[in-house]
Amino acid sequence: MVSSGLFILSVLRALVEVAGMFLLAQGALHVLAGARREGNIVYRGFKVITRPVIRMARFVTPGVIGDRQVPVVAFFLLFWMWIGLAYLRRVICDANGLACG
């Protein structure tokens, strides 16, 4: 039972990690491509992939935060989720006497 819980935590952490990397890549391409980024097919692909995360962050944040800052907020929310999942995994491993790497 513990191994399935650890597996689920690992999958969640991996999903959060991938979403964070896509947000970072989208941000880097935003800076590199400049005003012509909307015509870039890779940027549009990143935008499609990160849209659910950005929508979730927009739902959670108050209206005072502008739409330009929401991707940054989304990245930091993902970062803290990643840290929280790592901590939870560590607590479960320590509680069950497992040597989780």
PDB file of N, CA and C in Angstrom:
ATOM      1  N   MET A   1       0.820  -1.189   0.000  1.00  0.00           N
ATOM      2  CA  MET A   1       0.000   0.000   0.000  1.00  0.00           C
ATOM      3  C   MET A   1       0.866   1.255   0.000  1.00  0.00           C
ATOM      4  N   VAL A   2       1.961   1.200   0.739  1.00  0.00           N
ATOM      5  CA  VAL A   2       2.858   2.351   0.804  1.00  0.00           C
ATOM      6  C   VAL A   2       3.521   2.578  -0.548  1.00  0.00           C
ATOM      7  N   SER A   3       3.869   1.495  -1.234  1.00  0.00           N
ATOM      8  CA  SER A   3       4.551   1.652  -2.521  1.00  0.00           C
ATOM      9  C   SER A   3       3.638   2.299  -3.561  1.00  0.00           C
ATOM     10  N   SER A   4       2.340   1.995  -3.517  1.00  0.00           N
ATOM     11  CA  SER A   4       1.433   2.638  -4.480  1.00  0.00           C
ATOM     12  C   SER A   4       1.276   4.124  -4.152  1.00  0.00           C
ATOM     13  N   GLY A   5       1.269   4.476  -2.871  1.00  0.00           N
ATOM     14  CA  GLY A   5       1.212   5.877  -2.482  1.00  0.00           C
ATOM     15  C   GLY A   5       2.454   6.627  -2.915  1.00  0.00           C
ATOM     16  N   LEU A   6       3.602   5.998  -2.754  1.00  0.00           N
ATOM     17  CA  LEU A   6       4.849   6.632  -3.192  1.00  0.00           C
ATOM     18  C   LEU A   6       4.886   6.778  -4.708  1.00  0.00           C
ATOM     19  N   PHE A   7       4.332   5.786  -5.400  1.00  0.00           N
ATOM     20  CA  PHE A   7       4.277   5.869  -6.864  1.00  0.00           C
ATOM     21  C   PHE A   7       3.405   7.046  -7.305  1.00  0.00           C
ATOM     22  N   ILE A   8       2.250   7.198  -6.675  1.00  0.00           N
ATOM     23  CA  ILE A   8       1.352   8.302  -7.017  1.00  0.00           C
ATOM     24  C   ILE A   8       2.017   9.641  -6.723  1.00  0.00           C
ATOM     25  N   LEU A   9       2.695   9.740  -5.577  1.00  0.00           N
ATOM     26  CA  LEU A   9       3.418  10.973  -5.255  1.00  0.00           C
ATOM     27  C   LEU A   9       4.511  11.260  -6.281  1.00  0.00           C
ATOM     28  N   SER A  10       5.211  10.224  -6.700  1.00  0.00           N
ATOM     29  CA  SER A  10       6.273  10.410  -7.690  1.00  0.00           C
ATOM     30  C   SER A  10       5.707  10.866  -9.029  1.00  0.00           C
ATOM     31  N   VAL A  11       4.571  10.304  -9.421  1.00  0.00           N
ATOM     32  CA  VAL A  11       3.946  10.708 -10.681  1.00  0.00           C
ATOM     33  C   VAL A  11       3.469  12.155 -10.591  1.00  0.00           C
ATOM     34  N   LEU A  12       2.836  12.527  -9.481  1.00  0.00           N
ATOM     35  CA  LEU A  12       2.391  13.910  -9.305  1.00  0.00           C
ATOM     36  C   LEU A  12       3.565  14.870  -9.334  1.00  0.00           C
ATOM     37  N   ARG A  13       4.629  14.496  -8.654  1.00  0.00           N
ATOM     38  CA  ARG A  13       5.810  15.359  -8.624  1.00  0.00           C
ATOM     39  C   ARG A  13       6.417  15.496 -10.021  1.00  0.00           C
ATOM     40  N   ALA A  14       6.439  14.414 -10.782  1.00  0.00           N
ATOM     41  CA  ALA A  14       6.968  14.467 -12.146  1.00  0.00           C
ATOM     42  C   ALA A  14       6.096  15.361 -13.036  1.00  0.00           C
ATOM     43  N   LEU A  15       4.779  15.278 -12.881  1.00  0.00           N
ATOM     44  CA  LEU A  15       3.882  16.127 -13.665  1.00  0.00           C
ATOM     45  C   LEU A  15       4.084  17.605 -13.330  1.00  0.00           C
ATOM     46  N   VAL A  16       4.241  17.898 -12.050  1.00  0.00           N
ATOM     47  CA  VAL A  16       4.492  19.273 -11.631  1.00  0.00           C
ATOM     48  C   VAL A  16       5.836  19.745 -12.181  1.00  0.00           C
ATOM     49  N   GLU A  17       6.809  18.875 -12.168  1.00  0.00           N
ATOM     50  CA  GLU A  17       8.138  19.222 -12.678  1.00  0.00           C
ATOM     51  C   GLU A  17       8.099  19.509 -14.182  1.00  0.00           C
ATOM     52  N   VAL A  18       7.397  18.684 -14.929  1.00  0.00           N
ATOM     53  CA  VAL A  18       7.299  18.884 -16.373  1.00  0.00           C
ATOM     54  C   VAL A  18       6.560  20.187 -16.683  1.00  0.00           C
ATOM     55  N   ALA A  19       5.480  20.448 -15.968  1.00  0.00           N
ATOM     56  CA  ALA A  19       4.732  21.692 -16.189  1.00  0.00           C
ATOM     57  C   ALA A  19       5.612  22.908 -15.883  1.00  0.00           C
ATOM     58  N   GLY A  20       6.415  22.825 -14.830  1.00  0.00           N
ATOM     59  CA  GLY A  20       7.322  23.916 -14.495  1.00  0.00           C
ATOM     60  C   GLY A  20       8.381  24.123 -15.560  1.00  0.00           C
ATOM     61  N   MET A  21       8.898  23.038 -16.103  1.00  0.00           N
ATOM     62  CA  MET A  21       9.903  23.156 -17.162  1.00  0.00           C
ATOM     63  C   MET A  21       9.307  23.773 -18.429  1.00  0.00           C
ATOM     64  N   PHE A  22       8.061  23.398 -18.746  1.00  0.00           N
ATOM     65  CA  PHE A  22       7.412  24.011 -19.898  1.00  0.00           C
ATOM     66  C   PHE A  22       7.175  25.503 -19.679  1.00  0.00           C
ATOM     67  N   LEU A  23       6.816  25.889 -18.456  1.00  0.00           N
ATOM     68  CA  LEU A  23       6.658  27.314 -18.163  1.00  0.00           C
ATOM     69  C   LEU A  23       7.980  28.056 -18.290  1.00  0.00           C
ATOM     70  N   LEU A  24       9.056  27.440 -17.802  1.00  0.00           N
ATOM     71  CA  LEU A  24      10.381  28.058 -17.952  1.00  0.00           C
ATOM     72  C   LEU A  24      10.771  28.200 -19.419  1.00  0.00           C
ATOM     73  N   ALA A  25      10.511  27.161 -20.199  1.00  0.00           N
ATOM     74  CA  ALA A  25      10.842  27.208 -21.626  1.00  0.00           C
ATOM     75  C   ALA A  25      10.006  28.260 -22.346  1.00  0.00           C
ATOM     76  N   GLN A  26       8.739  28.367 -21.977  1.00  0.00           N
ATOM     77  CA  GLN A  26       7.888  29.384 -22.584  1.00  0.00           C
ATOM     78  C   GLN A  26       8.389  30.781 -22.226  1.00  0.00           C
ATOM     79  N   GLY A  27       8.809  30.973 -20.990  1.00  0.00           N
ATOM     80  CA  GLY A  27       9.349  32.257 -20.575  1.00  0.00           C
ATOM     81  C   GLY A  27      10.632  32.606 -21.309  1.00  0.00           C
ATOM     82  N   ALA A  28      11.501  31.620 -21.476  1.00  0.00           N
ATOM     83  CA  ALA A  28      12.749  31.864 -22.205  1.00  0.00           C
ATOM     84  C   ALA A  28      12.465  32.219 -23.662  1.00  0.00           C
ATOM     85  N   LEU A  29      11.532  31.520 -24.264  1.00  0.00           N
ATOM     86  CA  LEU A  29      11.181  31.815 -25.650  1.00  0.00           C
ATOM     87  C   LEU A  29      10.475  33.158 -25.776  1.00  0.00           C
ATOM     88  N   HIS A  30       9.740  33.528 -24.750  1.00  0.00           N
ATOM     89  CA  HIS A  30       9.094  34.846 -24.712  1.00  0.00           C
ATOM     90  C   HIS A  30      10.149  35.950 -24.793  1.00  0.00           C
ATOM     91  N   VAL A  31      11.233  35.758 -24.059  1.00  0.00           N
ATOM     92  CA  VAL A  31      12.313  36.750 -24.059  1.00  0.00           C
ATOM     93  C   VAL A  31      13.088  36.705 -25.375  1.00  0.00           C
ATOM     94  N   LEU A  32      13.390  35.513 -25.864  1.00  0.00           N
ATOM     95  CA  LEU A  32      14.218  35.381 -27.061  1.00  0.00           C
ATOM     96  C   LEU A  32      13.490  35.783 -28.341  1.00  0.00           C
ATOM     97  N   ALA A  33      12.221  35.431 -28.457  1.00  0.00           N
ATOM     98  CA  ALA A  33      11.498  35.700 -29.702  1.00  0.00           C
ATOM     99  C   ALA A  33      10.965  37.123 -29.771  1.00  0.00           C
ATOM    100  N   GLY A  34      10.775  37.749 -28.629  1.00  0.00           N
ATOM    101  CA  GLY A  34      10.317  39.130 -28.625  1.00  0.00           C
ATOM    102  C   GLY A  34       8.897  39.275 -29.135  1.00  0.00           C
ATOM    103  N   ALA A  35       8.672  40.311 -29.930  1.00  0.00           N
ATOM    104  CA  ALA A  35       7.319  40.619 -30.400  1.00  0.00           C
ATOM    105  C   ALA A  35       6.804  39.595 -31.408  1.00  0.00           C
ATOM    106  N   ARG A  36       7.683  38.853 -32.035  1.00  0.00           N
ATOM    107  CA  ARG A  36       7.273  37.879 -33.047  1.00  0.00           C
ATOM    108  C   ARG A  36       7.001  36.501 -32.461  1.00  0.00           C
ATOM    109  N   ARG A  37       6.877  36.408 -31.157  1.00  0.00           N
ATOM    110  CA  ARG A  37       6.704  35.099 -30.512  1.00  0.00           C
ATOM    111  C   ARG A  37       5.390  34.421 -30.874  1.00  0.00           C
ATOM    112  N   GLU A  38       4.322  35.190 -31.128  1.00  0.00           N
ATOM    113  CA  GLU A  38       3.025  34.587 -31.441  1.00  0.00           C
ATOM    114  C   GLU A  38       3.054  33.840 -32.770  1.00  0.00           C
ATOM    115  N   GLY A  39       3.973  34.180 -33.646  1.00  0.00           N
ATOM    116  CA  GLY A  39       4.116  33.475 -34.913  1.00  0.00           C
ATOM    117  C   GLY A  39       4.997  32.239 -34.810  1.00  0.00           C
ATOM    118  N   ASN A  40       5.637  32.063 -33.679  1.00  0.00           N
ATOM    119  CA  ASN A  40       6.538  30.932 -33.471  1.00  0.00           C
ATOM    120  C   ASN A  40       5.727  29.698 -33.095  1.00  0.00           C
ATOM    121  N   ILE A  41       5.880  28.642 -33.841  1.00  0.00           N
ATOM    122  CA  ILE A  41       5.097  27.426 -33.619  1.00  0.00           C
ATOM    123  C   ILE A  41       5.452  26.762 -32.280  1.00  0.00           C
ATOM    124  N   VAL A  42       6.710  26.828 -31.901  1.00  0.00           N
ATOM    125  CA  VAL A  42       7.123  26.222 -30.629  1.00  0.00           C
ATOM    126  C   VAL A  42       6.509  26.992 -29.459  1.00  0.00           C
ATOM    127  N   TYR A  43       6.517  28.303 -29.544  1.00  0.00           N
ATOM    128  CA  TYR A  43       5.919  29.122 -28.488  1.00  0.00           C
ATOM    129  C   TYR A  43       4.427  28.838 -28.367  1.00  0.00           C
ATOM    130  N   ARG A  44       3.755  28.718 -29.499  1.00  0.00           N
ATOM    131  CA  ARG A  44       2.324  28.400 -29.458  1.00  0.00           C
ATOM    132  C   ARG A  44       2.088  27.023 -28.856  1.00  0.00           C
ATOM    133  N   GLY A  45       2.983  26.074 -29.128  1.00  0.00           N
ATOM    134  CA  GLY A  45       2.875  24.746 -28.514  1.00  0.00           C
ATOM    135  C   GLY A  45       3.042  24.814 -27.001  1.00  0.00           C
ATOM    136  N   PHE A  46       4.026  25.569 -26.549  1.00  0.00           N
ATOM    137  CA  PHE A  46       4.214  25.753 -25.110  1.00  0.00           C
ATOM    138  C   PHE A  46       2.992  26.417 -24.485  1.00  0.00           C
ATOM    139  N   LYS A  47       2.420  27.352 -25.214  1.00  0.00           N
ATOM    140  CA  LYS A  47       1.255  28.067 -24.711  1.00  0.00           C
ATOM    141  C   LYS A  47       0.062  27.119 -24.525  1.00  0.00           C
ATOM    142  N   VAL A  48      -0.118  26.214 -25.458  1.00  0.00           N
ATOM    143  CA  VAL A  48      -1.205  25.232 -25.361  1.00  0.00           C
ATOM    144  C   VAL A  48      -0.968  24.285 -24.184  1.00  0.00           C
ATOM    145  N   ILE A  49       0.263  23.857 -24.009  1.00  0.00           N
ATOM    146  CA  ILE A  49       0.586  22.906 -22.946  1.00  0.00           C
ATOM    147  C   ILE A  49       0.453  23.550 -21.566  1.00  0.00           C
ATOM    148  N   THR A  50       0.843  24.814 -21.447  1.00  0.00           N
ATOM    149  CA  THR A  50       0.818  25.472 -20.132  1.00  0.00           C
ATOM    150  C   THR A  50      -0.506  26.155 -19.823  1.00  0.00           C
ATOM    151  N   ARG A  51      -1.428  26.180 -20.758  1.00  0.00           N
ATOM    152  CA  ARG A  51      -2.702  26.864 -20.548  1.00  0.00           C
ATOM    153  C   ARG A  51      -3.460  26.362 -19.314  1.00  0.00           C
ATOM    154  N   PRO A  52      -3.566  25.043 -19.058  1.00  0.00           N
ATOM    155  CA  PRO A  52      -4.301  24.608 -17.854  1.00  0.00           C
ATOM    156  C   PRO A  52      -3.665  25.098 -16.550  1.00  0.00           C
ATOM    157  N   VAL A  53      -2.353  25.127 -16.498  1.00  0.00           N
ATOM    158  CA  VAL A  53      -1.663  25.583 -15.289  1.00  0.00           C
ATOM    159  C   VAL A  53      -1.882  27.077 -15.081  1.00  0.00           C
ATOM    160  N   ILE A  54      -1.824  27.828 -16.155  1.00  0.00           N
ATOM    161  CA  ILE A  54      -2.019  29.272 -16.055  1.00  0.00           C
ATOM    162  C   ILE A  54      -3.469  29.592 -15.684  1.00  0.00           C
ATOM    163  N   ARG A  55      -4.408  28.831 -16.221  1.00  0.00           N
ATOM    164  CA  ARG A  55      -5.817  29.031 -15.849  1.00  0.00           C
ATOM    165  C   ARG A  55      -6.047  28.725 -14.370  1.00  0.00           C
ATOM    166  N   MET A  56      -5.405  27.668 -13.881  1.00  0.00           N
ATOM    167  CA  MET A  56      -5.524  27.332 -12.467  1.00  0.00           C
ATOM    168  C   MET A  56      -4.959  28.466 -11.601  1.00  0.00           C
ATOM    169  N   ALA A  57      -3.816  28.999 -12.010  1.00  0.00           N
ATOM    170  CA  ALA A  57      -3.212  30.104 -11.261  1.00  0.00           C
ATOM    171  C   ALA A  57      -4.094  31.351 -11.332  1.00  0.00           C
ATOM    172  N   ARG A  58      -4.707  31.606 -12.468  1.00  0.00           N
ATOM    173  CA  ARG A  58      -5.601  32.763 -12.601  1.00  0.00           C
ATOM    174  C   ARG A  58      -6.811  32.605 -11.687  1.00  0.00           C
ATOM    175  N   PHE A  59      -7.311  31.378 -11.557  1.00  0.00           N
ATOM    176  CA  PHE A  59      -8.462  31.114 -10.694  1.00  0.00           C
ATOM    177  C   PHE A  59      -8.106  31.336  -9.224  1.00  0.00           C
ATOM    178  N   VAL A  60      -6.890  30.981  -8.838  1.00  0.00           N
ATOM    179  CA  VAL A  60      -6.461  31.062  -7.441  1.00  0.00           C
ATOM    180  C   VAL A  60      -6.068  32.479  -7.043  1.00  0.00           C
ATOM    181  N   THR A  61      -5.502  33.228  -7.960  1.00  0.00           N
ATOM    182  CA  THR A  61      -4.987  34.557  -7.617  1.00  0.00           C
ATOM    183  C   THR A  61      -6.104  35.596  -7.590  1.00  0.00           C
ATOM    184  N   PRO A  62      -5.913  36.637  -6.791  1.00  0.00           N
ATOM    185  CA  PRO A  62      -6.917  37.711  -6.769  1.00  0.00           C
ATOM    186  C   PRO A  62      -6.866  38.537  -8.058  1.00  0.00           C
ATOM    187  N   GLY A  63      -7.905  39.311  -8.296  1.00  0.00           N
ATOM    188  CA  GLY A  63      -8.000  40.108  -9.510  1.00  0.00           C
ATOM    189  C   GLY A  63      -6.989  41.231  -9.611  1.00  0.00           C
ATOM    190  N   VAL A  64      -6.349  41.574  -8.487  1.00  0.00           N
ATOM    191  CA  VAL A  64      -5.352  42.644  -8.479  1.00  0.00           C
ATOM    192  C   VAL A  64      -4.139  42.256  -9.325  1.00  0.00           C
ATOM    193  N   ILE A  65      -3.840  40.989  -9.384  1.00  0.00           N
ATOM    194  CA  ILE A  65      -2.681  40.517 -10.146  1.00  0.00           C
ATOM    195  C   ILE A  65      -3.040  40.535 -11.627  1.00  0.00           C
ATOM    196  N   GLY A  66      -2.209  41.196 -12.402  1.00  0.00           N
ATOM    197  CA  GLY A  66      -2.465  41.339 -13.830  1.00  0.00           C
ATOM    198  C   GLY A  66      -2.211  40.056 -14.597  1.00  0.00           C
ATOM    199  N   ASP A  67      -2.743  40.006 -15.813  1.00  0.00           N
ATOM    200  CA  ASP A  67      -2.598  38.809 -16.642  1.00  0.00           C
ATOM    201  C   ASP A  67      -1.149  38.540 -17.045  1.00  0.00           C
ATOM    202  N   ARG A  68      -0.323  39.566 -17.083  1.00  0.00           N
ATOM    203  CA  ARG A  68       1.085  39.364 -17.446  1.00  0.00           C
ATOM    204  C   ARG A  68       1.873  38.685 -16.331  1.00  0.00           C
ATOM    205  N   GLN A  69       1.414  38.828 -15.086  1.00  0.00           N
ATOM    206  CA  GLN A  69       2.127  38.231 -13.954  1.00  0.00           C
ATOM    207  C   GLN A  69       1.639  36.822 -13.617  1.00  0.00           C
ATOM    208  N   VAL A  70       0.518  36.410 -14.180  1.00  0.00           N
ATOM    209  CA  VAL A  70      -0.053  35.109 -13.830  1.00  0.00           C
ATOM    210  C   VAL A  70       0.888  33.944 -14.167  1.00  0.00           C
ATOM    211  N   PRO A  71       1.586  33.924 -15.310  1.00  0.00           N
ATOM    212  CA  PRO A  71       2.518  32.814 -15.551  1.00  0.00           C
ATOM    213  C   PRO A  71       3.632  32.732 -14.502  1.00  0.00           C
ATOM    214  N   VAL A  72       4.086  33.867 -14.005  1.00  0.00           N
ATOM    215  CA  VAL A  72       5.114  33.865 -12.955  1.00  0.00           C
ATOM    216  C   VAL A  72       4.535  33.288 -11.667  1.00  0.00           C
ATOM    217  N   VAL A  73       3.324  33.687 -11.342  1.00  0.00           N
ATOM    218  CA  VAL A  73       2.649  33.134 -10.163  1.00  0.00           C
ATOM    219  C   VAL A  73       2.453  31.636 -10.335  1.00  0.00           C
ATOM    220  N   ALA A  74       2.058  31.219 -11.540  1.00  0.00           N
ATOM    221  CA  ALA A  74       1.854  29.786 -11.812  1.00  0.00           C
ATOM    222  C   ALA A  74       3.155  29.013 -11.600  1.00  0.00           C
ATOM    223  N   PHE A  75       4.267  29.584 -12.059  1.00  0.00           N
ATOM    224  CA  PHE A  75       5.546  28.894 -11.877  1.00  0.00           C
ATOM    225  C   PHE A  75       5.878  28.742 -10.394  1.00  0.00           C
ATOM    226  N   PHE A  76       5.687  29.799  -9.618  1.00  0.00           N
ATOM    227  CA  PHE A  76       6.008  29.698  -8.197  1.00  0.00           C
ATOM    228  C   PHE A  76       5.050  28.788  -7.452  1.00  0.00           C
ATOM    229  N   LEU A  77       3.798  28.732  -7.870  1.00  0.00           N
ATOM    230  CA  LEU A  77       2.871  27.760  -7.279  1.00  0.00           C
ATOM    231  C   LEU A  77       3.330  26.334  -7.574  1.00  0.00           C
ATOM    232  N   LEU A  78       3.751  26.097  -8.808  1.00  0.00           N
ATOM    233  CA  LEU A  78       4.269  24.766  -9.160  1.00  0.00           C
ATOM    234  C   LEU A  78       5.538  24.451  -8.375  1.00  0.00           C
ATOM    235  N   PHE A  79       6.384  25.436  -8.211  1.00  0.00           N
ATOM    236  CA  PHE A  79       7.618  25.222  -7.450  1.00  0.00           C
ATOM    237  C   PHE A  79       7.312  24.790  -6.022  1.00  0.00           C
ATOM    238  N   TRP A  80       6.375  25.489  -5.362  1.00  0.00           N
ATOM    239  CA  TRP A  80       6.051  25.133  -3.984  1.00  0.00           C
ATOM    240  C   TRP A  80       5.288  23.822  -3.897  1.00  0.00           C
ATOM    241  N   MET A  81       4.516  23.490  -4.932  1.00  0.00           N
ATOM    242  CA  MET A  81       3.879  22.171  -4.959  1.00  0.00           C
ATOM    243  C   MET A  81       4.940  21.082  -5.072  1.00  0.00           C
ATOM    244  N   TRP A  82       5.956  21.333  -5.890  1.00  0.00           N
ATOM    245  CA  TRP A  82       7.043  20.374  -6.075  1.00  0.00           C
ATOM    246  C   TRP A  82       7.785  20.152  -4.757  1.00  0.00           C
ATOM    247  N   ILE A  83       8.073  21.235  -4.050  1.00  0.00           N
ATOM    248  CA  ILE A  83       8.740  21.150  -2.749  1.00  0.00           C
ATOM    249  C   ILE A  83       7.856  20.407  -1.748  1.00  0.00           C
ATOM    250  N   GLY A  84       6.562  20.738  -1.723  1.00  0.00           N
ATOM    251  CA  GLY A  84       5.629  20.085  -0.800  1.00  0.00           C
ATOM    252  C   GLY A  84       5.500  18.596  -1.064  1.00  0.00           C
ATOM    253  N   LEU A  85       5.447  18.205  -2.326  1.00  0.00           N
ATOM    254  CA  LEU A  85       5.364  16.782  -2.656  1.00  0.00           C
ATOM    255  C   LEU A  85       6.654  16.051  -2.280  1.00  0.00           C
ATOM    256  N   ALA A  86       7.795  16.711  -2.442  1.00  0.00           N
ATOM    257  CA  ALA A  86       9.065  16.102  -2.035  1.00  0.00           C
ATOM    258  C   ALA A  86       9.104  15.906  -0.525  1.00  0.00           C
ATOM    259  N   TYR A  87       8.618  16.898   0.198  1.00  0.00           N
ATOM    260  CA  TYR A  87       8.588  16.794   1.656  1.00  0.00           C
ATOM    261  C   TYR A  87       7.640  15.685   2.097  1.00  0.00           C
ATOM    262  N   LEU A  88       6.476  15.605   1.464  1.00  0.00           N
ATOM    263  CA  LEU A  88       5.514  14.553   1.802  1.00  0.00           C
ATOM    264  C   LEU A  88       6.078  13.166   1.513  1.00  0.00           C
ATOM    265  N   ARG A  89       6.771  13.045   0.404  1.00  0.00           N
ATOM    266  CA  ARG A  89       7.412  11.756   0.072  1.00  0.00           C
ATOM    267  C   ARG A  89       8.459  11.388   1.123  1.00  0.00           C
ATOM    268  N   ARG A  90       9.216  12.375   1.556  1.00  0.00           N
ATOM    269  CA  ARG A  90      10.246  12.138   2.574  1.00  0.00           C
ATOM    270  C   ARG A  90       9.614  11.710   3.897  1.00  0.00           C
ATOM    271  N   VAL A  91       8.508  12.349   4.272  1.00  0.00           N
ATOM    272  CA  VAL A  91       7.825  12.007   5.526  1.00  0.00           C
ATOM    273  C   VAL A  91       7.304  10.582   5.462  1.00  0.00           C
ATOM    274  N   ILE A  92       6.718  10.193   4.341  1.00  0.00           N
ATOM    275  CA  ILE A  92       6.196   8.831   4.203  1.00  0.00           C
ATOM    276  C   ILE A  92       7.323   7.814   4.241  1.00  0.00           C
ATOM    277  N   CYS A  93       8.430   8.122   3.590  1.00  0.00           N
ATOM    278  CA  CYS A  93       9.573   7.194   3.609  1.00  0.00           C
ATOM    279  C   CYS A  93      10.140   7.043   5.012  1.00  0.00           C
ATOM    280  N   ASP A  94      10.272   8.146   5.727  1.00  0.00           N
ATOM    281  CA  ASP A  94      10.801   8.089   7.094  1.00  0.00           C
ATOM    282  C   ASP A  94       9.845   7.366   8.055  1.00  0.00           C
ATOM    283  N   ALA A  95       8.549   7.568   7.867  1.00  0.00           N
ATOM    284  CA  ALA A  95       7.564   6.945   8.742  1.00  0.00           C
ATOM    285  C   ALA A  95       7.518   5.435   8.557  1.00  0.00           C
ATOM    286  N   ASN A  96       7.832   4.955   7.353  1.00  0.00           N
ATOM    287  CA  ASN A  96       7.781   3.525   7.086  1.00  0.00           C
ATOM    288  C   ASN A  96       9.147   2.875   7.070  1.00  0.00           C
ATOM    289  N   GLY A  97      10.179   3.616   7.409  1.00  0.00           N
ATOM    290  CA  GLY A  97      11.533   3.061   7.462  1.00  0.00           C
ATOM    291  C   GLY A  97      12.081   2.677   6.121  1.00  0.00           C
ATOM    292  N   LEU A  98      11.666   3.388   5.070  1.00  0.00           N
ATOM    293  CA  LEU A  98      12.136   3.089   3.723  1.00  0.00           C
ATOM    294  C   LEU A  98      13.319   3.979   3.367  1.00  0.00           C
ATOM    295  N   ALA A  99      14.172   3.469   2.519  1.00  0.00           N
ATOM    296  CA  ALA A  99      15.329   4.245   2.040  1.00  0.00           C
ATOM    297  C   ALA A  99      14.992   4.800   0.672  1.00  0.00           C
ATOM    298  N   CYS A 100      14.257   5.883   0.646  1.00  0.00           N
ATOM    299  CA  CYS A 100      13.886   6.530  -0.617  1.00  0.00           C
ATOM    300  C   CYS A 100      14.994   7.495  -1.020  1.00  0.00           C
ATOM    301  N   GLY A 101      15.441   7.380  -2.235  1.00  0.00           N
ATOM    302  CA  GLY A 101      16.540   8.212  -2.725  1.00  0.00           C
ATOM    303  C   GLY A 101      16.072   9.498  -3.166  1.00  0.00           C
TER     304      GLY A 101
END
